[in-house]
Amino acid sequence: MPTLTKTGQLRDLEGRHKSLLRLVELSVTLNSTLDLDELLQLITATASELLECEAASILLYDEKNPRLYFAAATGSNPDKLAEIPVPIDNSLAGTIFRTNQPLVLNSVEQDPRHYSLVSDHIKFKINSLLGVPMLIKDRTMGVLEAVNKKEGGFSDSDVAVLSVTAAHAAIAINNARLLKSTQQALEKVKTTNQIKSNFLSLASHELRTPLGIIIGYATFLQESSKGESSEHANHVLGAAAQMHALLDQMSNLTLLQSDEMQMKPIRISIQDVLNFALDEIKYSAARRDLKLVLAFDENPIFVNVDAEKTTLALVNLLNNAIRFSPKGSEIVIGAVKQEKHIMIWIQDHGIGIPVDKLQKIFEEFYQIEPPNTRSYGGLGIGLPIAKGLIEAQGGKIWAESEGEKLGSTFKILLPIA
């Protein structure tokens, strides 16, 4: 008799050891799998194997409609099971969910809480049932059930094994849900950005034709008229030129976003590039009585850059300085060699930039001022374009400012040829 008892204890220990090893394997697999459907099938299959029962199922809580629904079950069609709403009240799973306590029933049909609609729907008779809550932190997310023990009834040992399985499952399912929601959010952002890019491209294309007609007629009127009429035509041409520049900016932004902008680097002195940019903005600076102070040597410092694109980047930075500088102030444009790089800076004495906004100003369409109370113009795309053009050529660009009303300095670092 003692020998039989010892043999039984050994079998029990072997069974526990096997269960522990299987739970460790399950934990490792769950932590390396983020596909929700795959996780659900793995959990139910493992639970059936560990408890030596006919089937296992996972019921998750639907927060939008306060009820439980079958997310997965072994040996059953999950889509067909999902059609069955399981009430929180008056059901075995609902009782487990509400009480947060395991439930063992080795004679299910005699319990008034048995929700027979499930058995009838899938043509599966439930004789015995073990259910445990699936907890994540202090929240119950669902119920893990095992049904029809193959030999005997469900024991306290089965409750412990299924509870551990449910704890691992809850964490894995929560992680998979978080990943899925993050992926959906990213996809939504990607779609929104694509719509925005398509709009910019379409708008810049469609507006060019009527703008060309306006410029043509305004030029004709300016040349053929005198006095006040000629002055009006000149105002129209100025506004049209500003609009044309904005359309060019929109086109450049869409090209940068789609990685379709081609760079054609040449060996050129940075002084030449700076002078090209200064030629384009000198009249805008003169209209605001701004003094342009040049702080770079005449001795050429050569770089390998796309001259046109780099000029555009500098023009955007200079226009930004002009827009935010008070009339009669000065803008300093400098360049100096620093080992294997050249540092370019544009310094103004304008409204300055709050320290916490120094990075955000390079974001597309970002404006420091509220849109309804703006004092300065612009679409908020000049700086992002400048950043894109410089970084596409292996350079760096950033802004420095002591704060509001203390001016700002934009710096560019480019490799020397």
Foldseek 3Di string as FASTA:
>chain_A
DVVVVVVVVVVVVVLVVVLVVLLVVLLVVLVVDLAQLVLQVSLFVSLCVSLVFDKKWWWFADPVDGFTFTCDMPPFDRVQRRVDTHHLPLAPFNVQQVVQAKDWDQAQVVDRSHPCVNCVSGVHDFGIKIKGFQDDDHHTGTIMMGTGRPDDGDDPVSNVSVHSSSPSSSVSNVSSVVVVVVVVVVVVVVVVVVVVLVVLVVVLVVVPVVLVVLLVVLVVQLVPDDDPSVVVSVVSNVVSVVVNVVSVLSVLVSCLVVVNDDWDWDKDFVVVLVVVLCVVCVVVCVVLQEAEAEAEDPPTFIATGRSVLLSLLVNLVVVVQSQFAHRNYYWYWYWDDDVQKIKIKIWGQGFWAAPVCFVVLLDFQDDPDDPVDDPTDDRSRSNVSSQSRQVVQVKHKTKDTPHTSRIIMIMIIGGTD
